[in-house]
Amino acid sequence: MMRSSIKKRIIWIFSFVLIVGLVFYLALQSVIFLGIVGHEYTDIFTVPRKNQIGVVSVDGVLLDVQPLIDRLQRLKRRSEVKAILLDINSPGGAVGPTQELSSEVERVRDETDKPIISFVRNTGASGAYHVAVSGDTVVANPGSVVGSIGVMIQFIQASELVDKIGLDYEIIKSGEFKDLGSPFRTMSDDERELLQELVMDVYDQFIGYVAERREGLEDMDIEEVADGRIFTGQQALEVGLIDKTGSRREAIEVARKAADIEADPVLDEPKEKRPSPLRLMGRVVSFIEGFSAPQENEIRLLYKTPDWGGSID
C-alpha cells in the first residue's frame, strides 16, 4: 500500500512539473512573439499591403537570367506592387542574357508605368551597368564600382605549349573561320580583324543604348568614359553615369516617392531557397565559367576584379 502511495506521489509531482514547465515555455514564446511583432515586424501589419516595393536581386555573373525575368513578370502582375528596386551587385556577363534582361526591365516599366529604380550596392559594371540604365533612376553607393563600359572576347593561346610537349593537332573544317579561337594555333590577321569587328559592333550597341537611356549624354560624351574604365559611385555621378549617390535605404526612398507612396512601403524581397546539391554544383560551375576563357564566338560585357582572380580589362 505504501509503495502504491509513493508511486502516485511521484507521478503527481512529475505531472505538476511538466505542466508548469509547459506553461512557462508557452508564456515565454508568447513574450518573444509579441516582442518580435512589436518591434521588427511592425510595418508588416500596420502598412497597407497595397504599398509594396518589389525587389529583384541582380547578383553575380549574368549568364542565366531567366529566374530574374520570371521574378519581374510576377512583380508586374501584382497590383499591390507599386515600384520595383533592382538591387545590383554584378560584374556583368554574356551579351545575350544582359540585353534580354535589360529589355525585360524596359517592357515591365512601359507596360505597367511602375517606376523601376536601379541600386548599385557594390558593383554595377559592364553588363550590369547596361541593366542598371534600363531602369528609370540609377542610385549607387558612393564607393561602389560603376562603369567598365566596353566589350571583350578572350581566348587561351597554348600553341607553344603544344609544340613543346610534342602534341599533334589536326582539324577538318568546312570554312576558314570555323575553328576561330582555337588554342592550338596562332590566330591569323583575318581572324583577329573579324573578331575586332564583332566586338566593335556589340560595343556600338552598348554605348548607343547608354546614350539613349542617359539624358544629357551624347555619343561623343559617352565615348570619353566608355573605354573600359571604372568609376566610384561618386565619380560616376560627376560624369553623368548615375543620377544619385546613396544607400539602399535612400534608393528605396527614391522608389517610394516615384510611386507616390505616402506611408513607409513594405519590401517584397525575393525568397532565398536552400539550393539542392545539383543546383549548388551548377552555381559553382557558372561562377568558374563566368571567369574562364569564352567559348567560340562568345563575347562578354564583363568586368573582372582583382579580388576575383581576374584582371581589370
C-alpha atoms as a PDB file:
ATOM      1  CA  MET A   1       0.000   0.000   0.000  1.00  0.00           C
ATOM      2  CA  MET A   2       2.834   2.379   0.919  1.00  0.00           C
ATOM      3  CA  ARG A   3       4.655   1.661  -2.350  1.00  0.00           C
ATOM      4  CA  SER A   4       1.478   2.472  -4.306  1.00  0.00           C
ATOM      5  CA  SER A   5       1.104   5.775  -2.446  1.00  0.00           C
ATOM      6  CA  ILE A   6       4.725   6.744  -3.105  1.00  0.00           C
ATOM      7  CA  LYS A   7       4.341   5.860  -6.782  1.00  0.00           C
ATOM      8  CA  LYS A   8       1.235   8.027  -7.108  1.00  0.00           C
ATOM      9  CA  ARG A   9       3.013  10.928  -5.396  1.00  0.00           C
ATOM     10  CA  ILE A  10       5.952  10.659  -7.774  1.00  0.00           C
ATOM     11  CA  ILE A  11       3.607  10.612 -10.804  1.00  0.00           C
ATOM     12  CA  TRP A  12       1.733  13.637  -9.405  1.00  0.00           C
ATOM     13  CA  ILE A  13       4.938  15.618  -8.826  1.00  0.00           C
ATOM     14  CA  PHE A  14       6.256  14.720 -12.298  1.00  0.00           C
ATOM     15  CA  SER A  15       2.957  15.770 -13.902  1.00  0.00           C
ATOM     16  CA  PHE A  16       2.936  19.030 -11.966  1.00  0.00           C
ATOM     17  CA  VAL A  17       6.495  19.886 -13.014  1.00  0.00           C
ATOM     18  CA  LEU A  18       5.706  19.002 -16.621  1.00  0.00           C
ATOM     19  CA  ILE A  19       2.582  21.197 -16.674  1.00  0.00           C
ATOM     20  CA  VAL A  20       4.376  24.140 -15.031  1.00  0.00           C
ATOM     21  CA  GLY A  21       7.259  23.791 -17.486  1.00  0.00           C
ATOM     22  CA  LEU A  22       4.886  23.689 -20.437  1.00  0.00           C
ATOM     23  CA  VAL A  23       3.007  26.780 -19.208  1.00  0.00           C
ATOM     24  CA  PHE A  24       6.310  28.622 -18.674  1.00  0.00           C
ATOM     25  CA  TYR A  25       7.502  27.643 -22.162  1.00  0.00           C
ATOM     26  CA  LEU A  26       4.282  28.835 -23.803  1.00  0.00           C
ATOM     27  CA  ALA A  27       4.391  32.093 -21.851  1.00  0.00           C
ATOM     28  CA  LEU A  28       8.000  32.656 -22.881  1.00  0.00           C
ATOM     29  CA  GLN A  29       7.206  32.003 -26.528  1.00  0.00           C
ATOM     30  CA  SER A  30       4.289  34.429 -26.339  1.00  0.00           C
ATOM     31  CA  VAL A  31       6.547  37.143 -24.952  1.00  0.00           C
ATOM     32  CA  ILE A  32       9.132  36.513 -27.662  1.00  0.00           C
ATOM     33  CA  PHE A  33       6.455  36.523 -30.379  1.00  0.00           C
ATOM     34  CA  LEU A  34       4.891  39.740 -29.084  1.00  0.00           C
ATOM     35  CA  GLY A  35       8.326  41.310 -28.871  1.00  0.00           C
ATOM     36  CA  ILE A  36       9.076  40.394 -32.484  1.00  0.00           C
ATOM     37  CA  VAL A  37       5.743  41.655 -33.760  1.00  0.00           C
ATOM     38  CA  GLY A  38       6.027  44.815 -31.718  1.00  0.00           C
ATOM     39  CA  HIS A  39       9.472  45.751 -32.980  1.00  0.00           C
ATOM     40  CA  GLU A  40      10.965  44.061 -36.029  1.00  0.00           C
ATOM     41  CA  TYR A  41       7.806  43.298 -37.979  1.00  0.00           C
ATOM     42  CA  THR A  42       5.505  46.153 -37.033  1.00  0.00           C
ATOM     43  CA  ASP A  43       5.464  47.571 -40.548  1.00  0.00           C
ATOM     44  CA  ILE A  44       4.127  44.310 -41.980  1.00  0.00           C
ATOM     45  CA  PHE A  45       0.910  44.687 -40.006  1.00  0.00           C
ATOM     46  CA  THR A  46       0.470  48.476 -39.943  1.00  0.00           C
ATOM     47  CA  VAL A  47       1.338  49.347 -43.551  1.00  0.00           C
ATOM     48  CA  PRO A  48      -1.318  48.534 -46.178  1.00  0.00           C
ATOM     49  CA  ARG A  49      -0.321  45.703 -48.482  1.00  0.00           C
ATOM     50  CA  LYS A  50      -1.054  47.899 -51.472  1.00  0.00           C
ATOM     51  CA  ASN A  51       2.079  49.923 -50.762  1.00  0.00           C
ATOM     52  CA  GLN A  52       4.794  47.481 -51.769  1.00  0.00           C
ATOM     53  CA  ILE A  53       8.151  47.794 -53.499  1.00  0.00           C
ATOM     54  CA  GLY A  54       9.271  44.619 -55.216  1.00  0.00           C
ATOM     55  CA  VAL A  55      12.987  43.804 -55.076  1.00  0.00           C
ATOM     56  CA  VAL A  56      14.888  41.996 -57.822  1.00  0.00           C
ATOM     57  CA  SER A  57      18.384  40.870 -56.782  1.00  0.00           C
ATOM     58  CA  VAL A  58      20.810  41.037 -59.711  1.00  0.00           C
ATOM     59  CA  ASP A  59      23.805  39.199 -58.264  1.00  0.00           C
ATOM     60  CA  GLY A  60      26.837  37.536 -59.797  1.00  0.00           C
ATOM     61  CA  VAL A  61      27.766  36.900 -63.415  1.00  0.00           C
ATOM     62  CA  LEU A  62      24.848  37.325 -65.829  1.00  0.00           C
ATOM     63  CA  LEU A  63      24.574  34.029 -67.657  1.00  0.00           C
ATOM     64  CA  ASP A  64      21.154  32.554 -66.864  1.00  0.00           C
ATOM     65  CA  VAL A  65      18.771  35.481 -66.358  1.00  0.00           C
ATOM     66  CA  GLN A  66      15.503  33.564 -66.718  1.00  0.00           C
ATOM     67  CA  PRO A  67      14.867  33.486 -62.931  1.00  0.00           C
ATOM     68  CA  LEU A  68      15.225  37.286 -62.879  1.00  0.00           C
ATOM     69  CA  ILE A  69      12.844  37.652 -65.816  1.00  0.00           C
ATOM     70  CA  ASP A  70      10.333  35.376 -64.075  1.00  0.00           C
ATOM     71  CA  ARG A  71      10.632  37.495 -60.938  1.00  0.00           C
ATOM     72  CA  LEU A  72       9.974  40.686 -62.937  1.00  0.00           C
ATOM     73  CA  GLN A  73       6.925  39.112 -64.515  1.00  0.00           C
ATOM     74  CA  ARG A  74       5.488  38.180 -61.115  1.00  0.00           C
ATOM     75  CA  LEU A  75       6.010  41.701 -59.789  1.00  0.00           C
ATOM     76  CA  LYS A  76       4.471  43.107 -62.961  1.00  0.00           C
ATOM     77  CA  ARG A  77       1.237  41.165 -62.407  1.00  0.00           C
ATOM     78  CA  ARG A  78       0.841  42.117 -58.746  1.00  0.00           C
ATOM     79  CA  SER A  79      -1.249  45.261 -58.376  1.00  0.00           C
ATOM     80  CA  GLU A  80      -0.095  45.846 -54.790  1.00  0.00           C
ATOM     81  CA  VAL A  81       3.494  46.301 -56.018  1.00  0.00           C
ATOM     82  CA  LYS A  82       3.798  49.974 -56.937  1.00  0.00           C
ATOM     83  CA  ALA A  83       7.530  50.151 -57.735  1.00  0.00           C
ATOM     84  CA  ILE A  84      10.481  47.842 -58.385  1.00  0.00           C
ATOM     85  CA  LEU A  85      14.004  48.056 -56.995  1.00  0.00           C
ATOM     86  CA  LEU A  86      16.835  46.402 -58.934  1.00  0.00           C
ATOM     87  CA  ASP A  87      19.382  45.540 -56.232  1.00  0.00           C
ATOM     88  CA  ILE A  88      22.562  45.158 -58.320  1.00  0.00           C
ATOM     89  CA  ASN A  89      25.873  43.583 -57.355  1.00  0.00           C
ATOM     90  CA  SER A  90      27.297  42.136 -60.566  1.00  0.00           C
ATOM     91  CA  PRO A  91      30.369  42.473 -62.812  1.00  0.00           C
ATOM     92  CA  GLY A  92      28.261  41.855 -65.936  1.00  0.00           C
ATOM     93  CA  GLY A  93      28.206  38.768 -68.100  1.00  0.00           C
ATOM     94  CA  ALA A  94      27.318  37.404 -71.521  1.00  0.00           C
ATOM     95  CA  VAL A  95      25.884  39.802 -74.108  1.00  0.00           C
ATOM     96  CA  GLY A  96      22.669  37.967 -74.957  1.00  0.00           C
ATOM     97  CA  PRO A  97      21.424  37.472 -71.369  1.00  0.00           C
ATOM     98  CA  THR A  98      22.379  41.061 -70.495  1.00  0.00           C
ATOM     99  CA  GLN A  99      20.371  42.519 -73.372  1.00  0.00           C
ATOM    100  CA  GLU A 100      17.476  40.173 -72.667  1.00  0.00           C
ATOM    101  CA  LEU A 101      17.255  41.251 -69.028  1.00  0.00           C
ATOM    102  CA  SER A 102      17.502  44.949 -69.928  1.00  0.00           C
ATOM    103  CA  SER A 103      14.723  44.540 -72.494  1.00  0.00           C
ATOM    104  CA  GLU A 104      12.507  42.842 -69.924  1.00  0.00           C
ATOM    105  CA  VAL A 105      13.048  45.662 -67.429  1.00  0.00           C
ATOM    106  CA  GLU A 106      12.002  48.197 -70.067  1.00  0.00           C
ATOM    107  CA  ARG A 107       8.986  46.123 -71.054  1.00  0.00           C
ATOM    108  CA  VAL A 108       7.734  45.861 -67.470  1.00  0.00           C
ATOM    109  CA  ARG A 109       8.220  49.603 -66.928  1.00  0.00           C
ATOM    110  CA  ASP A 110       6.419  50.579 -70.136  1.00  0.00           C
ATOM    111  CA  GLU A 111       3.513  48.164 -69.735  1.00  0.00           C
ATOM    112  CA  THR A 112       2.767  48.953 -66.088  1.00  0.00           C
ATOM    113  CA  ASP A 113       4.037  52.510 -65.500  1.00  0.00           C
ATOM    114  CA  LYS A 114       5.688  51.172 -62.351  1.00  0.00           C
ATOM    115  CA  PRO A 115       8.856  53.147 -61.610  1.00  0.00           C
ATOM    116  CA  ILE A 116      11.982  50.973 -61.628  1.00  0.00           C
ATOM    117  CA  ILE A 117      14.915  52.169 -59.543  1.00  0.00           C
ATOM    118  CA  SER A 118      18.368  50.620 -60.010  1.00  0.00           C
ATOM    119  CA  PHE A 119      20.584  50.477 -56.939  1.00  0.00           C
ATOM    120  CA  VAL A 120      24.286  49.580 -57.273  1.00  0.00           C
ATOM    121  CA  ARG A 121      25.195  48.023 -53.958  1.00  0.00           C
ATOM    122  CA  ASN A 122      28.850  47.158 -54.566  1.00  0.00           C
ATOM    123  CA  THR A 123      29.476  46.510 -58.270  1.00  0.00           C
ATOM    124  CA  GLY A 124      27.426  47.623 -61.260  1.00  0.00           C
ATOM    125  CA  ALA A 125      29.920  47.234 -64.050  1.00  0.00           C
ATOM    126  CA  SER A 126      29.817  46.448 -67.754  1.00  0.00           C
ATOM    127  CA  GLY A 127      26.725  44.331 -68.465  1.00  0.00           C
ATOM    128  CA  ALA A 128      25.345  45.078 -65.002  1.00  0.00           C
ATOM    129  CA  TYR A 129      25.554  48.794 -65.786  1.00  0.00           C
ATOM    130  CA  HIS A 130      23.690  48.053 -69.042  1.00  0.00           C
ATOM    131  CA  VAL A 131      20.914  46.575 -66.893  1.00  0.00           C
ATOM    132  CA  ALA A 132      21.063  49.456 -64.414  1.00  0.00           C
ATOM    133  CA  VAL A 133      20.388  52.132 -67.037  1.00  0.00           C
ATOM    134  CA  SER A 134      17.317  50.228 -68.240  1.00  0.00           C
ATOM    135  CA  GLY A 135      15.560  51.500 -65.106  1.00  0.00           C
ATOM    136  CA  ASP A 136      14.204  54.991 -64.545  1.00  0.00           C
ATOM    137  CA  THR A 137      16.780  56.140 -61.997  1.00  0.00           C
ATOM    138  CA  VAL A 138      20.227  54.851 -61.033  1.00  0.00           C
ATOM    139  CA  VAL A 139      21.359  55.178 -57.410  1.00  0.00           C
ATOM    140  CA  ALA A 140      24.748  53.883 -56.257  1.00  0.00           C
ATOM    141  CA  ASN A 141      26.737  53.749 -53.069  1.00  0.00           C
ATOM    142  CA  PRO A 142      29.412  56.461 -53.364  1.00  0.00           C
ATOM    143  CA  GLY A 143      32.205  53.903 -53.007  1.00  0.00           C
ATOM    144  CA  SER A 144      30.727  51.277 -55.327  1.00  0.00           C
ATOM    145  CA  VAL A 145      32.255  50.275 -58.682  1.00  0.00           C
ATOM    146  CA  VAL A 146      30.347  51.621 -61.699  1.00  0.00           C
ATOM    147  CA  GLY A 147      31.059  51.734 -65.421  1.00  0.00           C
ATOM    148  CA  SER A 148      33.509  49.481 -67.240  1.00  0.00           C
ATOM    149  CA  ILE A 149      31.563  50.231 -70.419  1.00  0.00           C
ATOM    150  CA  GLY A 150      33.137  48.035 -73.030  1.00  0.00           C
ATOM    151  CA  VAL A 151      33.216  44.633 -74.669  1.00  0.00           C
ATOM    152  CA  MET A 152      35.804  41.878 -74.669  1.00  0.00           C
ATOM    153  CA  ILE A 153      36.425  38.433 -76.037  1.00  0.00           C
ATOM    154  CA  GLN A 154      39.386  36.321 -74.966  1.00  0.00           C
ATOM    155  CA  PHE A 155      40.986  33.028 -75.848  1.00  0.00           C
ATOM    156  CA  ILE A 156      43.611  30.790 -74.337  1.00  0.00           C
ATOM    157  CA  GLN A 157      46.672  30.519 -76.552  1.00  0.00           C
ATOM    158  CA  ALA A 158      48.562  27.262 -75.930  1.00  0.00           C
ATOM    159  CA  SER A 159      50.242  26.657 -79.292  1.00  0.00           C
ATOM    160  CA  GLU A 160      53.787  26.984 -77.880  1.00  0.00           C
ATOM    161  CA  LEU A 161      52.978  24.579 -75.065  1.00  0.00           C
ATOM    162  CA  VAL A 162      51.572  22.093 -77.561  1.00  0.00           C
ATOM    163  CA  ASP A 163      54.764  22.319 -79.606  1.00  0.00           C
ATOM    164  CA  LYS A 164      56.982  21.790 -76.551  1.00  0.00           C
ATOM    165  CA  ILE A 165      55.239  18.639 -75.388  1.00  0.00           C
ATOM    166  CA  GLY A 166      55.074  17.300 -78.946  1.00  0.00           C
ATOM    167  CA  LEU A 167      51.299  17.128 -79.158  1.00  0.00           C
ATOM    168  CA  ASP A 168      49.932  16.903 -82.683  1.00  0.00           C
ATOM    169  CA  TYR A 169      46.638  18.546 -83.595  1.00  0.00           C
ATOM    170  CA  GLU A 170      44.519  18.250 -86.722  1.00  0.00           C
ATOM    171  CA  ILE A 171      41.099  19.587 -87.650  1.00  0.00           C
ATOM    172  CA  ILE A 172      38.839  19.181 -90.642  1.00  0.00           C
ATOM    173  CA  LYS A 173      36.600  22.203 -91.151  1.00  0.00           C
ATOM    174  CA  SER A 174      34.020  23.477 -93.623  1.00  0.00           C
ATOM    175  CA  GLY A 175      35.262  27.049 -93.760  1.00  0.00           C
ATOM    176  CA  GLU A 176      38.177  29.306 -92.982  1.00  0.00           C
ATOM    177  CA  PHE A 177      36.817  30.632 -89.700  1.00  0.00           C
ATOM    178  CA  LYS A 178      35.131  27.507 -88.337  1.00  0.00           C
ATOM    179  CA  ASP A 179      37.866  26.865 -85.736  1.00  0.00           C
ATOM    180  CA  LEU A 180      38.183  30.529 -84.861  1.00  0.00           C
ATOM    181  CA  GLY A 181      39.874  30.972 -81.491  1.00  0.00           C
ATOM    182  CA  SER A 182      41.476  27.545 -81.374  1.00  0.00           C
ATOM    183  CA  PRO A 183      44.038  27.393 -78.542  1.00  0.00           C
ATOM    184  CA  PHE A 184      46.239  25.029 -80.567  1.00  0.00           C
ATOM    185  CA  ARG A 185      47.400  27.533 -83.167  1.00  0.00           C
ATOM    186  CA  THR A 186      48.203  31.221 -83.566  1.00  0.00           C
ATOM    187  CA  MET A 187      45.333  33.443 -84.644  1.00  0.00           C
ATOM    188  CA  SER A 188      45.599  34.820 -88.196  1.00  0.00           C
ATOM    189  CA  ASP A 189      45.284  38.511 -89.079  1.00  0.00           C
ATOM    190  CA  ASP A 190      41.981  37.894 -90.845  1.00  0.00           C
ATOM    191  CA  GLU A 191      40.578  36.148 -87.778  1.00  0.00           C
ATOM    192  CA  ARG A 192      41.715  38.962 -85.498  1.00  0.00           C
ATOM    193  CA  GLU A 193      40.126  41.534 -87.793  1.00  0.00           C
ATOM    194  CA  LEU A 194      36.876  39.577 -87.867  1.00  0.00           C
ATOM    195  CA  LEU A 195      36.719  39.378 -84.081  1.00  0.00           C
ATOM    196  CA  GLN A 196      37.571  43.058 -83.712  1.00  0.00           C
ATOM    197  CA  GLU A 197      34.679  43.976 -85.980  1.00  0.00           C
ATOM    198  CA  LEU A 198      32.414  41.712 -83.950  1.00  0.00           C
ATOM    199  CA  VAL A 199      33.475  43.309 -80.683  1.00  0.00           C
ATOM    200  CA  MET A 200      33.085  46.838 -82.036  1.00  0.00           C
ATOM    201  CA  ASP A 201      29.584  46.081 -83.315  1.00  0.00           C
ATOM    202  CA  VAL A 202      28.493  44.987 -79.839  1.00  0.00           C
ATOM    203  CA  TYR A 203      30.337  47.962 -78.355  1.00  0.00           C
ATOM    204  CA  ASP A 204      28.407  50.353 -80.612  1.00  0.00           C
ATOM    205  CA  GLN A 205      25.175  48.713 -79.447  1.00  0.00           C
ATOM    206  CA  PHE A 206      26.287  49.164 -75.828  1.00  0.00           C
ATOM    207  CA  ILE A 207      27.147  52.855 -75.999  1.00  0.00           C
ATOM    208  CA  GLY A 208      24.120  53.548 -78.193  1.00  0.00           C
ATOM    209  CA  TYR A 209      21.885  52.029 -75.523  1.00  0.00           C
ATOM    210  CA  VAL A 210      23.538  54.029 -72.769  1.00  0.00           C
ATOM    211  CA  ALA A 211      23.269  57.254 -74.811  1.00  0.00           C
ATOM    212  CA  GLU A 212      19.564  56.588 -75.343  1.00  0.00           C
ATOM    213  CA  ARG A 213      18.889  55.875 -71.679  1.00  0.00           C
ATOM    214  CA  ARG A 214      21.048  58.586 -70.093  1.00  0.00           C
ATOM    215  CA  GLU A 215      19.607  62.019 -70.780  1.00  0.00           C
ATOM    216  CA  GLY A 216      22.222  64.675 -71.437  1.00  0.00           C
ATOM    217  CA  LEU A 217      24.831  62.226 -72.617  1.00  0.00           C
ATOM    218  CA  GLU A 218      25.590  62.116 -76.316  1.00  0.00           C
ATOM    219  CA  ASP A 219      27.676  59.582 -78.185  1.00  0.00           C
ATOM    220  CA  MET A 220      30.778  61.773 -78.053  1.00  0.00           C
ATOM    221  CA  ASP A 221      30.445  62.221 -74.294  1.00  0.00           C
ATOM    222  CA  ILE A 222      29.965  58.519 -73.714  1.00  0.00           C
ATOM    223  CA  GLU A 223      32.993  57.547 -75.776  1.00  0.00           C
ATOM    224  CA  GLU A 224      35.128  59.596 -73.411  1.00  0.00           C
ATOM    225  CA  VAL A 225      34.104  57.394 -70.467  1.00  0.00           C
ATOM    226  CA  ALA A 226      33.392  54.172 -72.374  1.00  0.00           C
ATOM    227  CA  ASP A 227      36.913  52.850 -72.790  1.00  0.00           C
ATOM    228  CA  GLY A 228      36.500  50.166 -70.139  1.00  0.00           C
ATOM    229  CA  ARG A 229      37.490  52.360 -67.212  1.00  0.00           C
ATOM    230  CA  ILE A 230      35.728  52.064 -63.887  1.00  0.00           C
ATOM    231  CA  PHE A 231      34.410  54.782 -61.594  1.00  0.00           C
ATOM    232  CA  THR A 232      33.400  55.039 -57.993  1.00  0.00           C
ATOM    233  CA  GLY A 233      29.761  55.889 -57.450  1.00  0.00           C
ATOM    234  CA  GLN A 234      30.775  59.465 -56.653  1.00  0.00           C
ATOM    235  CA  GLN A 235      32.832  59.766 -59.853  1.00  0.00           C
ATOM    236  CA  ALA A 236      30.026  58.199 -61.884  1.00  0.00           C
ATOM    237  CA  LEU A 237      27.660  60.874 -60.597  1.00  0.00           C
ATOM    238  CA  GLU A 238      30.063  63.619 -61.679  1.00  0.00           C
ATOM    239  CA  VAL A 239      30.297  62.313 -65.265  1.00  0.00           C
ATOM    240  CA  GLY A 240      26.563  61.632 -65.548  1.00  0.00           C
ATOM    241  CA  LEU A 241      26.520  57.837 -65.478  1.00  0.00           C
ATOM    242  CA  ILE A 242      24.168  57.714 -62.467  1.00  0.00           C
ATOM    243  CA  ASP A 243      21.530  60.026 -61.001  1.00  0.00           C
ATOM    244  CA  LYS A 244      22.268  59.937 -57.292  1.00  0.00           C
ATOM    245  CA  THR A 245      24.648  58.524 -54.708  1.00  0.00           C
ATOM    246  CA  GLY A 246      23.197  56.983 -51.597  1.00  0.00           C
ATOM    247  CA  SER A 247      22.500  53.865 -49.593  1.00  0.00           C
ATOM    248  CA  ARG A 248      19.910  51.180 -50.232  1.00  0.00           C
ATOM    249  CA  ARG A 249      17.560  52.978 -47.858  1.00  0.00           C
ATOM    250  CA  GLU A 250      17.859  56.128 -49.943  1.00  0.00           C
ATOM    251  CA  ALA A 251      17.209  54.167 -53.135  1.00  0.00           C
ATOM    252  CA  ILE A 252      14.047  52.783 -51.530  1.00  0.00           C
ATOM    253  CA  GLU A 253      13.028  56.341 -50.670  1.00  0.00           C
ATOM    254  CA  VAL A 254      13.512  57.345 -54.313  1.00  0.00           C
ATOM    255  CA  ALA A 255      11.262  54.449 -55.334  1.00  0.00           C
ATOM    256  CA  ARG A 256       8.655  55.410 -52.724  1.00  0.00           C
ATOM    257  CA  LYS A 257       8.439  58.988 -53.971  1.00  0.00           C
ATOM    258  CA  ALA A 258       8.384  57.930 -57.625  1.00  0.00           C
ATOM    259  CA  ALA A 259       5.430  55.632 -56.910  1.00  0.00           C
ATOM    260  CA  ASP A 260       3.599  58.286 -54.814  1.00  0.00           C
ATOM    261  CA  ILE A 261       3.519  56.007 -51.770  1.00  0.00           C
ATOM    262  CA  GLU A 262       2.681  58.106 -48.719  1.00  0.00           C
ATOM    263  CA  ALA A 263       3.324  55.581 -45.934  1.00  0.00           C
ATOM    264  CA  ASP A 264       6.506  53.591 -45.431  1.00  0.00           C
ATOM    265  CA  PRO A 265       6.435  50.830 -48.057  1.00  0.00           C
ATOM    266  CA  VAL A 266       6.683  47.108 -47.450  1.00  0.00           C
ATOM    267  CA  LEU A 267       9.586  45.487 -49.283  1.00  0.00           C
ATOM    268  CA  ASP A 268       8.759  42.344 -51.207  1.00  0.00           C
ATOM    269  CA  GLU A 269      12.167  40.670 -51.058  1.00  0.00           C
ATOM    270  CA  PRO A 270      12.909  37.569 -53.136  1.00  0.00           C
ATOM    271  CA  LYS A 271      12.744  34.446 -51.001  1.00  0.00           C
ATOM    272  CA  GLU A 272      16.007  32.579 -50.694  1.00  0.00           C
ATOM    273  CA  LYS A 273      15.678  28.845 -51.043  1.00  0.00           C
ATOM    274  CA  ARG A 274      18.276  26.386 -49.870  1.00  0.00           C
ATOM    275  CA  PRO A 275      19.813  25.123 -53.117  1.00  0.00           C
ATOM    276  CA  SER A 276      19.864  21.430 -53.850  1.00  0.00           C
ATOM    277  CA  PRO A 277      23.305  19.801 -54.267  1.00  0.00           C
ATOM    278  CA  LEU A 278      22.769  19.743 -58.030  1.00  0.00           C
ATOM    279  CA  ARG A 279      21.839  23.443 -58.180  1.00  0.00           C
ATOM    280  CA  LEU A 280      24.751  24.307 -55.873  1.00  0.00           C
ATOM    281  CA  MET A 281      27.107  22.480 -58.192  1.00  0.00           C
ATOM    282  CA  GLY A 282      25.580  24.397 -61.116  1.00  0.00           C
ATOM    283  CA  ARG A 283      26.277  27.689 -59.368  1.00  0.00           C
ATOM    284  CA  VAL A 284      29.909  26.736 -58.838  1.00  0.00           C
ATOM    285  CA  VAL A 285      30.221  25.767 -62.489  1.00  0.00           C
ATOM    286  CA  SER A 286      28.570  29.039 -63.569  1.00  0.00           C
ATOM    287  CA  PHE A 287      30.939  31.045 -61.402  1.00  0.00           C
ATOM    288  CA  ILE A 288      34.003  29.320 -62.844  1.00  0.00           C
ATOM    289  CA  GLU A 289      32.514  29.563 -66.331  1.00  0.00           C
ATOM    290  CA  GLY A 290      31.940  33.273 -65.886  1.00  0.00           C
ATOM    291  CA  PHE A 291      35.651  33.928 -65.453  1.00  0.00           C
ATOM    292  CA  SER A 292      37.115  31.300 -67.728  1.00  0.00           C
ATOM    293  CA  ALA A 293      38.031  31.799 -71.360  1.00  0.00           C
ATOM    294  CA  PRO A 294      34.917  32.265 -73.524  1.00  0.00           C
ATOM    295  CA  GLN A 295      33.952  29.557 -75.925  1.00  0.00           C
ATOM    296  CA  GLU A 296      33.700  30.038 -79.670  1.00  0.00           C
ATOM    297  CA  ASN A 297      32.221  33.405 -80.673  1.00  0.00           C
ATOM    298  CA  GLU A 298      31.314  34.217 -77.069  1.00  0.00           C
ATOM    299  CA  ILE A 299      31.509  37.941 -76.342  1.00  0.00           C
ATOM    300  CA  ARG A 300      31.076  39.330 -72.851  1.00  0.00           C
ATOM    301  CA  LEU A 301      30.213  42.578 -71.166  1.00  0.00           C
ATOM    302  CA  LEU A 302      32.256  41.679 -68.125  1.00  0.00           C
ATOM    303  CA  TYR A 303      34.461  43.443 -65.608  1.00  0.00           C
ATOM    304  CA  LYS A 304      36.859  41.235 -63.683  1.00  0.00           C
ATOM    305  CA  THR A 305      38.057  42.497 -60.332  1.00  0.00           C
ATOM    306  CA  PRO A 306      41.459  41.576 -58.919  1.00  0.00           C
ATOM    307  CA  ASP A 307      39.745  40.116 -55.851  1.00  0.00           C
ATOM    308  CA  TRP A 308      38.104  37.511 -58.102  1.00  0.00           C
ATOM    309  CA  GLY A 309      41.392  36.434 -59.583  1.00  0.00           C
ATOM    310  CA  GLY A 310      40.940  38.256 -62.895  1.00  0.00           C
ATOM    311  CA  SER A 311      42.331  41.429 -64.345  1.00  0.00           C
ATOM    312  CA  ILE A 312      40.775  44.799 -64.992  1.00  0.00           C
ATOM    313  CA  ASP A 313      40.217  44.620 -68.734  1.00  0.00           C
END
